[in-house]
Amino acid sequence: MDLVKDQQPWFGIEQEYTLYDSNGRHPYKWPEHGYPGPQGPYYCGVGSNRVYGREVVEAHYRACLYAGVKIAGSNAEVMPSQWEYQVGPCEGIEMGDHLWVSRWILCRVAEEFNINVNFDPKPMEGDWNGAGCHTNISTKDMRAAGGLKHIEAAMAKFELKHDEHIKAYDPNGGADNARRLTGRHETASIKEFKYGVADRGASVRIPRHVAALGYGYFEDRRPSSNSDPYDVTSRIVKTMFLEETKPPAMVDTNEITIEC
């Protein structure tokens, strides 16, 4: 990060997670021998029939504020008992510092309620959303007037380094994310890179207001909920500023000679 400090890289991470019962076998307040109703009414929901575990969420939020963690919001997620909180903006390496401390605080607070925290990116198979660690990125140039061209330049580099990013975006070199990045449930396929404006099915989403203003930030939706934020932010900075990201040169086979 010291090598690119003049670019003032800002990060904001959306940490998703799933609350589990104390036995650790199924999500908190899910039927022990069945499933809740299908996804739809739970996202940003209210009411005890739609959201489970808000007491943990709000206690965690207050504890983070008390500890000085740069927590910025929280919401119920698409799958019941799944939640998200946001940390940032943080500059450079402090993104990893704040997110790891926030995770520790979350697990410690949940312990008080006899609830477990699961960071697996696809805790429930079937028609249920996975959990990510969407990472928002902005540099000094991207935040300035005309910054959209710098965002689009970064997208060209990201496409060339897609495989390297996938390997860095979960602790098992992409194996965990392979269960989540299927092209369904608001994800892009792990096998391709694509970006778009306000596209929740893209690898990277450019917010609609950023496209309208012409500057701002972008959201990399590929990192898994159990990713290491130090690895994620490091990989992003390497791709944007520190590594060769030109397409490989084409070889003119007509100029190749073979000596026998």
C-alpha atoms as a PDB file:
ATOM      1  CA  MET A   1       0.000   0.000   0.000  1.00  0.00           C
ATOM      2  CA  ASP A   2       2.927   2.356   0.639  1.00  0.00           C
ATOM      3  CA  LEU A   3       3.831   2.135  -3.046  1.00  0.00           C
ATOM      4  CA  VAL A   4       0.461   3.582  -4.089  1.00  0.00           C
ATOM      5  CA  LYS A   5      -0.268   5.944  -1.208  1.00  0.00           C
ATOM      6  CA  ASP A   6      -0.201   8.893  -3.607  1.00  0.00           C
ATOM      7  CA  GLN A   7      -3.334   7.372  -5.221  1.00  0.00           C
ATOM      8  CA  GLN A   8      -5.155   7.481  -1.866  1.00  0.00           C
ATOM      9  CA  PRO A   9      -7.005   4.161  -2.331  1.00  0.00           C
ATOM     10  CA  TRP A  10     -10.231   4.089  -0.343  1.00  0.00           C
ATOM     11  CA  PHE A  11     -12.091   0.870   0.418  1.00  0.00           C
ATOM     12  CA  GLY A  12     -15.500   0.070   1.837  1.00  0.00           C
ATOM     13  CA  ILE A  13     -16.439  -3.569   2.470  1.00  0.00           C
ATOM     14  CA  GLU A  14     -19.923  -5.050   2.803  1.00  0.00           C
ATOM     15  CA  GLN A  15     -19.515  -8.044   5.115  1.00  0.00           C
ATOM     16  CA  GLU A  16     -22.257 -10.653   4.809  1.00  0.00           C
ATOM     17  CA  TYR A  17     -22.675 -13.512   7.281  1.00  0.00           C
ATOM     18  CA  THR A  18     -25.252 -16.021   8.523  1.00  0.00           C
ATOM     19  CA  LEU A  19     -26.380 -16.528  12.105  1.00  0.00           C
ATOM     20  CA  TYR A  20     -26.651 -20.146  13.252  1.00  0.00           C
ATOM     21  CA  ASP A  21     -28.234 -21.804  16.254  1.00  0.00           C
ATOM     22  CA  SER A  22     -25.972 -22.784  19.107  1.00  0.00           C
ATOM     23  CA  ASN A  23     -25.703 -26.318  17.749  1.00  0.00           C
ATOM     24  CA  GLY A  24     -24.178 -24.915  14.546  1.00  0.00           C
ATOM     25  CA  ARG A  25     -26.283 -27.231  12.368  1.00  0.00           C
ATOM     26  CA  HIS A  26     -28.810 -24.876  10.780  1.00  0.00           C
ATOM     27  CA  PRO A  27     -29.452 -21.123  10.486  1.00  0.00           C
ATOM     28  CA  TYR A  28     -30.845 -19.326  13.495  1.00  0.00           C
ATOM     29  CA  LYS A  29     -34.610 -19.821  13.947  1.00  0.00           C
ATOM     30  CA  TRP A  30     -34.972 -21.915  10.811  1.00  0.00           C
ATOM     31  CA  PRO A  31     -37.310 -24.917  11.253  1.00  0.00           C
ATOM     32  CA  GLU A  32     -35.230 -27.780  12.612  1.00  0.00           C
ATOM     33  CA  HIS A  33     -36.677 -30.268  10.109  1.00  0.00           C
ATOM     34  CA  GLY A  34     -37.572 -28.002   7.184  1.00  0.00           C
ATOM     35  CA  TYR A  35     -37.107 -24.618   5.572  1.00  0.00           C
ATOM     36  CA  PRO A  36     -38.593 -21.141   5.924  1.00  0.00           C
ATOM     37  CA  GLY A  37     -40.640 -19.595   3.122  1.00  0.00           C
ATOM     38  CA  PRO A  38     -38.837 -18.731  -0.123  1.00  0.00           C
ATOM     39  CA  GLN A  39     -36.636 -15.659  -0.483  1.00  0.00           C
ATOM     40  CA  GLY A  40     -38.335 -12.341  -1.126  1.00  0.00           C
ATOM     41  CA  PRO A  41     -39.675 -10.717   2.047  1.00  0.00           C
ATOM     42  CA  TYR A  42     -36.505 -10.929   4.140  1.00  0.00           C
ATOM     43  CA  TYR A  43     -34.181  -8.394   2.470  1.00  0.00           C
ATOM     44  CA  CYS A  44     -34.088  -5.213   4.597  1.00  0.00           C
ATOM     45  CA  GLY A  45     -37.186  -6.625   6.257  1.00  0.00           C
ATOM     46  CA  VAL A  46     -38.839  -5.845   9.576  1.00  0.00           C
ATOM     47  CA  GLY A  47     -40.994  -7.969  11.836  1.00  0.00           C
ATOM     48  CA  SER A  48     -40.256 -11.093  13.844  1.00  0.00           C
ATOM     49  CA  ASN A  49     -41.663 -13.297  11.063  1.00  0.00           C
ATOM     50  CA  ARG A  50     -39.103 -11.946   8.574  1.00  0.00           C
ATOM     51  CA  VAL A  51     -35.881 -11.109  10.404  1.00  0.00           C
ATOM     52  CA  TYR A  52     -34.034 -13.223  12.957  1.00  0.00           C
ATOM     53  CA  GLY A  53     -31.207 -12.056  15.173  1.00  0.00           C
ATOM     54  CA  ARG A  54     -31.514  -8.273  15.106  1.00  0.00           C
ATOM     55  CA  GLU A  55     -30.499  -8.196  18.776  1.00  0.00           C
ATOM     56  CA  VAL A  56     -27.060  -9.490  17.756  1.00  0.00           C
ATOM     57  CA  VAL A  57     -26.807  -7.052  14.855  1.00  0.00           C
ATOM     58  CA  GLU A  58     -27.557  -3.963  16.911  1.00  0.00           C
ATOM     59  CA  ALA A  59     -25.342  -5.001  19.826  1.00  0.00           C
ATOM     60  CA  HIS A  60     -22.519  -5.625  17.355  1.00  0.00           C
ATOM     61  CA  TYR A  61     -23.022  -2.197  15.792  1.00  0.00           C
ATOM     62  CA  ARG A  62     -22.815  -0.433  19.142  1.00  0.00           C
ATOM     63  CA  ALA A  63     -19.760  -2.442  20.177  1.00  0.00           C
ATOM     64  CA  CYS A  64     -17.975  -1.516  16.937  1.00  0.00           C
ATOM     65  CA  LEU A  65     -18.729   2.172  17.466  1.00  0.00           C
ATOM     66  CA  TYR A  66     -17.412   1.928  21.020  1.00  0.00           C
ATOM     67  CA  ALA A  67     -14.231   0.212  19.771  1.00  0.00           C
ATOM     68  CA  GLY A  68     -13.591   2.823  17.085  1.00  0.00           C
ATOM     69  CA  VAL A  69     -14.293   0.512  14.146  1.00  0.00           C
ATOM     70  CA  LYS A  70     -15.429   2.455  11.069  1.00  0.00           C
ATOM     71  CA  ILE A  71     -18.762   0.666  10.794  1.00  0.00           C
ATOM     72  CA  ALA A  72     -21.184   2.502   8.522  1.00  0.00           C
ATOM     73  CA  GLY A  73     -24.452   0.546   8.357  1.00  0.00           C
ATOM     74  CA  SER A  74     -26.221  -2.813   8.554  1.00  0.00           C
ATOM     75  CA  ASN A  75     -29.196  -4.560   6.975  1.00  0.00           C
ATOM     76  CA  ALA A  76     -31.005  -7.880   6.802  1.00  0.00           C
ATOM     77  CA  GLU A  77     -30.020  -9.852   3.716  1.00  0.00           C
ATOM     78  CA  VAL A  78     -31.885 -11.907   1.103  1.00  0.00           C
ATOM     79  CA  MET A  79     -31.748 -15.243   2.933  1.00  0.00           C
ATOM     80  CA  PRO A  80     -33.387 -15.345   6.366  1.00  0.00           C
ATOM     81  CA  SER A  81     -30.884 -15.179   9.246  1.00  0.00           C
ATOM     82  CA  GLN A  82     -28.346 -13.680   6.843  1.00  0.00           C
ATOM     83  CA  TRP A  83     -27.111 -10.164   7.580  1.00  0.00           C
ATOM     84  CA  GLU A  84     -24.694  -7.561   6.293  1.00  0.00           C
ATOM     85  CA  TYR A  85     -22.781  -4.689   7.792  1.00  0.00           C
ATOM     86  CA  GLN A  86     -20.565  -2.156   6.065  1.00  0.00           C
ATOM     87  CA  VAL A  87     -17.134  -0.925   7.146  1.00  0.00           C
ATOM     88  CA  GLY A  88     -15.392   2.084   5.630  1.00  0.00           C
ATOM     89  CA  PRO A  89     -14.314   4.139   3.945  1.00  0.00           C
ATOM     90  CA  CYS A  90     -10.833   3.121   5.031  1.00  0.00           C
ATOM     91  CA  GLU A  91      -7.619   4.090   3.296  1.00  0.00           C
ATOM     92  CA  GLY A  92      -5.068   1.471   2.354  1.00  0.00           C
ATOM     93  CA  ILE A  93      -4.186  -1.300   4.780  1.00  0.00           C
ATOM     94  CA  GLU A  94      -6.490  -0.048   7.537  1.00  0.00           C
ATOM     95  CA  MET A  95      -9.387  -1.670   5.648  1.00  0.00           C
ATOM     96  CA  GLY A  96      -8.117  -5.071   6.714  1.00  0.00           C
ATOM     97  CA  ASP A  97      -7.482  -3.886  10.264  1.00  0.00           C
ATOM     98  CA  HIS A  98     -11.013  -2.615  10.766  1.00  0.00           C
ATOM     99  CA  LEU A  99     -12.762  -5.551   9.100  1.00  0.00           C
ATOM    100  CA  TRP A 100     -10.887  -8.239  11.043  1.00  0.00           C
ATOM    101  CA  VAL A 101     -11.593  -6.482  14.351  1.00  0.00           C
ATOM    102  CA  SER A 102     -15.261  -6.113  13.404  1.00  0.00           C
ATOM    103  CA  ARG A 103     -15.471  -9.863  12.708  1.00  0.00           C
ATOM    104  CA  TRP A 104     -13.966 -10.700  16.087  1.00  0.00           C
ATOM    105  CA  ILE A 105     -16.408  -8.363  17.824  1.00  0.00           C
ATOM    106  CA  LEU A 106     -19.327  -9.955  15.938  1.00  0.00           C
ATOM    107  CA  CYS A 107     -18.398 -13.464  17.079  1.00  0.00           C
ATOM    108  CA  ARG A 108     -17.851 -12.277  20.643  1.00  0.00           C
ATOM    109  CA  VAL A 109     -21.203 -10.451  20.776  1.00  0.00           C
ATOM    110  CA  ALA A 110     -23.082 -13.427  19.266  1.00  0.00           C
ATOM    111  CA  GLU A 111     -21.600 -15.624  21.981  1.00  0.00           C
ATOM    112  CA  GLU A 112     -23.540 -13.589  24.554  1.00  0.00           C
ATOM    113  CA  PHE A 113     -26.791 -14.622  22.814  1.00  0.00           C
ATOM    114  CA  ASN A 114     -25.778 -18.284  22.436  1.00  0.00           C
ATOM    115  CA  ILE A 115     -25.668 -17.816  18.649  1.00  0.00           C
ATOM    116  CA  ASN A 116     -22.926 -18.798  16.206  1.00  0.00           C
ATOM    117  CA  VAL A 117     -21.654 -16.757  13.256  1.00  0.00           C
ATOM    118  CA  ASN A 118     -21.024 -18.524   9.944  1.00  0.00           C
ATOM    119  CA  PHE A 119     -18.887 -16.799   7.296  1.00  0.00           C
ATOM    120  CA  ASP A 120     -19.217 -19.557   4.705  1.00  0.00           C
ATOM    121  CA  PRO A 121     -20.006 -18.067   1.247  1.00  0.00           C
ATOM    122  CA  LYS A 122     -22.687 -20.670   0.473  1.00  0.00           C
ATOM    123  CA  PRO A 123     -23.983 -21.985   3.795  1.00  0.00           C
ATOM    124  CA  MET A 124     -27.202 -23.443   2.352  1.00  0.00           C
ATOM    125  CA  GLU A 125     -27.397 -25.290  -0.948  1.00  0.00           C
ATOM    126  CA  GLY A 126     -30.402 -24.778  -3.181  1.00  0.00           C
ATOM    127  CA  ASP A 127     -32.358 -21.641  -4.005  1.00  0.00           C
ATOM    128  CA  TRP A 128     -30.725 -19.500  -1.346  1.00  0.00           C
ATOM    129  CA  ASN A 129     -28.350 -16.570  -1.783  1.00  0.00           C
ATOM    130  CA  GLY A 130     -24.742 -16.986  -0.815  1.00  0.00           C
ATOM    131  CA  ALA A 131     -22.704 -14.539   1.245  1.00  0.00           C
ATOM    132  CA  GLY A 132     -20.098 -12.168  -0.104  1.00  0.00           C
ATOM    133  CA  CYS A 133     -17.742  -9.448   0.970  1.00  0.00           C
ATOM    134  CA  HIS A 134     -18.467  -6.892  -1.742  1.00  0.00           C
ATOM    135  CA  THR A 135     -15.558  -4.473  -1.909  1.00  0.00           C
ATOM    136  CA  ASN A 136     -15.991  -0.867  -2.971  1.00  0.00           C
ATOM    137  CA  ILE A 137     -12.935   0.886  -4.386  1.00  0.00           C
ATOM    138  CA  SER A 138     -12.093   4.490  -5.147  1.00  0.00           C
ATOM    139  CA  THR A 139      -8.847   6.318  -5.885  1.00  0.00           C
ATOM    140  CA  LYS A 140      -8.002  10.000  -5.945  1.00  0.00           C
ATOM    141  CA  ASP A 141      -8.348  10.096  -9.734  1.00  0.00           C
ATOM    142  CA  MET A 142     -11.654   8.201  -9.680  1.00  0.00           C
ATOM    143  CA  ARG A 143     -13.113  10.669  -7.195  1.00  0.00           C
ATOM    144  CA  ALA A 144     -12.190  13.679  -9.325  1.00  0.00           C
ATOM    145  CA  ALA A 145     -14.197  15.102 -12.226  1.00  0.00           C
ATOM    146  CA  GLY A 146     -13.946  12.735 -15.178  1.00  0.00           C
ATOM    147  CA  GLY A 147     -13.014   9.865 -12.877  1.00  0.00           C
ATOM    148  CA  LEU A 148     -15.234   7.406 -14.734  1.00  0.00           C
ATOM    149  CA  LYS A 149     -12.538   6.952 -17.371  1.00  0.00           C
ATOM    150  CA  HIS A 150     -10.173   5.753 -14.644  1.00  0.00           C
ATOM    151  CA  ILE A 151     -12.820   3.302 -13.420  1.00  0.00           C
ATOM    152  CA  GLU A 152     -13.254   1.946 -16.944  1.00  0.00           C
ATOM    153  CA  ALA A 153      -9.474   1.641 -17.318  1.00  0.00           C
ATOM    154  CA  ALA A 154      -9.427  -0.408 -14.125  1.00  0.00           C
ATOM    155  CA  MET A 155     -12.122  -2.694 -15.553  1.00  0.00           C
ATOM    156  CA  ALA A 156      -9.901  -3.534 -18.535  1.00  0.00           C
ATOM    157  CA  LYS A 157      -7.117  -4.498 -16.143  1.00  0.00           C
ATOM    158  CA  PHE A 158      -9.471  -6.497 -13.916  1.00  0.00           C
ATOM    159  CA  GLU A 159     -10.643  -8.538 -16.892  1.00  0.00           C
ATOM    160  CA  LEU A 160      -7.073  -9.559 -17.706  1.00  0.00           C
ATOM    161  CA  LYS A 161      -6.420 -10.561 -14.088  1.00  0.00           C
ATOM    162  CA  HIS A 162      -9.756 -12.272 -13.354  1.00  0.00           C
ATOM    163  CA  ASP A 163      -8.209 -15.644 -12.498  1.00  0.00           C
ATOM    164  CA  GLU A 164      -5.692 -14.068 -10.123  1.00  0.00           C
ATOM    165  CA  HIS A 165      -8.484 -12.200  -8.356  1.00  0.00           C
ATOM    166  CA  ILE A 166     -10.590 -15.341  -7.974  1.00  0.00           C
ATOM    167  CA  LYS A 167      -7.645 -17.128  -6.342  1.00  0.00           C
ATOM    168  CA  ALA A 168      -7.177 -14.246  -3.896  1.00  0.00           C
ATOM    169  CA  TYR A 169     -10.859 -13.751  -3.093  1.00  0.00           C
ATOM    170  CA  ASP A 170     -11.377 -16.728  -0.792  1.00  0.00           C
ATOM    171  CA  PRO A 171      -8.990 -18.596   1.541  1.00  0.00           C
ATOM    172  CA  ASN A 172      -9.098 -21.748  -0.583  1.00  0.00           C
ATOM    173  CA  GLY A 173      -7.957 -20.284  -3.874  1.00  0.00           C
ATOM    174  CA  GLY A 174     -11.425 -19.988  -5.392  1.00  0.00           C
ATOM    175  CA  ALA A 175     -12.869 -23.332  -4.273  1.00  0.00           C
ATOM    176  CA  ASP A 176     -15.218 -21.716  -1.748  1.00  0.00           C
ATOM    177  CA  ASN A 177     -16.407 -19.094  -4.208  1.00  0.00           C
ATOM    178  CA  ALA A 178     -17.064 -21.726  -6.869  1.00  0.00           C
ATOM    179  CA  ARG A 179     -20.128 -22.744  -4.828  1.00  0.00           C
ATOM    180  CA  ARG A 180     -21.370 -19.138  -4.748  1.00  0.00           C
ATOM    181  CA  LEU A 181     -20.390 -17.509  -8.066  1.00  0.00           C
ATOM    182  CA  THR A 182     -22.701 -19.540 -10.283  1.00  0.00           C
ATOM    183  CA  GLY A 183     -24.348 -16.814 -12.329  1.00  0.00           C
ATOM    184  CA  ARG A 184     -27.466 -17.111 -10.152  1.00  0.00           C
ATOM    185  CA  HIS A 185     -28.558 -15.431  -6.927  1.00  0.00           C
ATOM    186  CA  GLU A 186     -27.149 -12.009  -7.835  1.00  0.00           C
ATOM    187  CA  THR A 187     -23.723 -13.241  -8.907  1.00  0.00           C
ATOM    188  CA  ALA A 188     -21.719 -13.495 -12.097  1.00  0.00           C
ATOM    189  CA  SER A 189     -20.243 -16.842 -13.089  1.00  0.00           C
ATOM    190  CA  ILE A 190     -16.809 -17.535 -11.654  1.00  0.00           C
ATOM    191  CA  LYS A 191     -15.739 -18.464 -15.205  1.00  0.00           C
ATOM    192  CA  GLU A 192     -16.140 -14.972 -16.666  1.00  0.00           C
ATOM    193  CA  PHE A 193     -15.560 -11.315 -15.917  1.00  0.00           C
ATOM    194  CA  LYS A 194     -18.123  -8.680 -16.735  1.00  0.00           C
ATOM    195  CA  TYR A 195     -19.031  -5.266 -15.413  1.00  0.00           C
ATOM    196  CA  GLY A 196     -22.035  -3.032 -15.792  1.00  0.00           C
ATOM    197  CA  VAL A 197     -23.952  -0.071 -14.438  1.00  0.00           C
ATOM    198  CA  ALA A 198     -26.351  -0.998 -11.614  1.00  0.00           C
ATOM    199  CA  ASP A 199     -25.931  -4.681 -12.542  1.00  0.00           C
ATOM    200  CA  ARG A 200     -26.174  -7.016  -9.551  1.00  0.00           C
ATOM    201  CA  GLY A 201     -25.374  -9.942 -11.827  1.00  0.00           C
ATOM    202  CA  ALA A 202     -21.987  -8.543 -12.820  1.00  0.00           C
ATOM    203  CA  SER A 203     -18.534  -9.276 -11.429  1.00  0.00           C
ATOM    204  CA  VAL A 204     -18.128  -5.549 -10.853  1.00  0.00           C
ATOM    205  CA  ARG A 205     -20.964  -3.062 -10.527  1.00  0.00           C
ATOM    206  CA  ILE A 206     -20.665   0.637 -11.250  1.00  0.00           C
ATOM    207  CA  PRO A 207     -23.402   2.396  -9.255  1.00  0.00           C
ATOM    208  CA  ARG A 208     -25.987   4.233 -11.332  1.00  0.00           C
ATOM    209  CA  HIS A 209     -25.249   7.590  -9.700  1.00  0.00           C
ATOM    210  CA  VAL A 210     -21.525   7.177 -10.420  1.00  0.00           C
ATOM    211  CA  ALA A 211     -22.234   6.652 -14.108  1.00  0.00           C
ATOM    212  CA  ALA A 212     -24.502   9.714 -14.075  1.00  0.00           C
ATOM    213  CA  LEU A 213     -22.010  11.953 -12.269  1.00  0.00           C
ATOM    214  CA  GLY A 214     -18.984  10.682 -14.173  1.00  0.00           C
ATOM    215  CA  TYR A 215     -16.839   9.990 -11.108  1.00  0.00           C
ATOM    216  CA  GLY A 216     -16.853   8.067  -7.822  1.00  0.00           C
ATOM    217  CA  TYR A 217     -16.222   4.388  -7.073  1.00  0.00           C
ATOM    218  CA  PHE A 218     -17.004   0.843  -8.156  1.00  0.00           C
ATOM    219  CA  GLU A 219     -18.045  -2.361  -6.373  1.00  0.00           C
ATOM    220  CA  ASP A 220     -16.217  -5.651  -6.859  1.00  0.00           C
ATOM    221  CA  ARG A 221     -18.862  -8.280  -6.037  1.00  0.00           C
ATOM    222  CA  ARG A 222     -16.585 -11.321  -6.277  1.00  0.00           C
ATOM    223  CA  PRO A 223     -14.863 -11.527  -2.847  1.00  0.00           C
ATOM    224  CA  SER A 224     -16.365 -14.217  -0.621  1.00  0.00           C
ATOM    225  CA  SER A 225     -17.669 -13.614   2.885  1.00  0.00           C
ATOM    226  CA  ASN A 226     -14.723 -15.545   4.338  1.00  0.00           C
ATOM    227  CA  SER A 227     -12.094 -13.709   2.277  1.00  0.00           C
ATOM    228  CA  ASP A 228      -9.054 -12.099   3.861  1.00  0.00           C
ATOM    229  CA  PRO A 229      -9.458  -8.327   3.374  1.00  0.00           C
ATOM    230  CA  TYR A 230      -5.683  -7.892   3.310  1.00  0.00           C
ATOM    231  CA  ASP A 231      -5.464 -10.274   0.343  1.00  0.00           C
ATOM    232  CA  VAL A 232      -8.440  -8.679  -1.406  1.00  0.00           C
ATOM    233  CA  THR A 233      -7.258  -5.083  -1.144  1.00  0.00           C
ATOM    234  CA  SER A 234      -3.689  -6.064  -1.991  1.00  0.00           C
ATOM    235  CA  ARG A 235      -4.799  -7.898  -5.139  1.00  0.00           C
ATOM    236  CA  ILE A 236      -6.886  -4.908  -6.240  1.00  0.00           C
ATOM    237  CA  VAL A 237      -4.020  -2.463  -5.812  1.00  0.00           C
ATOM    238  CA  LYS A 238      -1.574  -4.766  -7.587  1.00  0.00           C
ATOM    239  CA  THR A 239      -3.861  -5.065 -10.592  1.00  0.00           C
ATOM    240  CA  MET A 240      -4.602  -1.361 -10.845  1.00  0.00           C
ATOM    241  CA  PHE A 241      -1.108   0.009 -10.270  1.00  0.00           C
ATOM    242  CA  LEU A 242       1.726  -2.471  -9.721  1.00  0.00           C
ATOM    243  CA  GLU A 243       1.530  -5.239 -12.332  1.00  0.00           C
ATOM    244  CA  GLU A 244       1.770  -5.496 -16.078  1.00  0.00           C
ATOM    245  CA  THR A 245      -1.797  -5.770 -17.347  1.00  0.00           C
ATOM    246  CA  LYS A 246      -1.360  -5.456 -21.114  1.00  0.00           C
ATOM    247  CA  PRO A 247      -2.844  -8.225 -23.283  1.00  0.00           C
ATOM    248  CA  PRO A 248      -0.211 -10.753 -24.392  1.00  0.00           C
ATOM    249  CA  ALA A 249       1.422  -9.849 -27.703  1.00  0.00           C
ATOM    250  CA  MET A 250       0.211 -11.750 -30.736  1.00  0.00           C
ATOM    251  CA  VAL A 251       2.824 -13.990 -32.354  1.00  0.00           C
ATOM    252  CA  ASP A 252       3.203 -13.826 -36.124  1.00  0.00           C
ATOM    253  CA  THR A 253       3.599 -17.483 -37.040  1.00  0.00           C
ATOM    254  CA  ASN A 254       4.803 -16.497 -40.507  1.00  0.00           C
ATOM    255  CA  GLU A 255       8.020 -15.222 -38.959  1.00  0.00           C
ATOM    256  CA  ILE A 256       8.796 -18.449 -37.095  1.00  0.00           C
ATOM    257  CA  THR A 257      11.537 -20.573 -38.634  1.00  0.00           C
ATOM    258  CA  ILE A 258      12.411 -24.106 -37.629  1.00  0.00           C
ATOM    259  CA  GLU A 259      15.936 -25.423 -38.100  1.00  0.00           C
ATOM    260  CA  CYS A 260      16.498 -29.155 -38.426  1.00  0.00           C
END
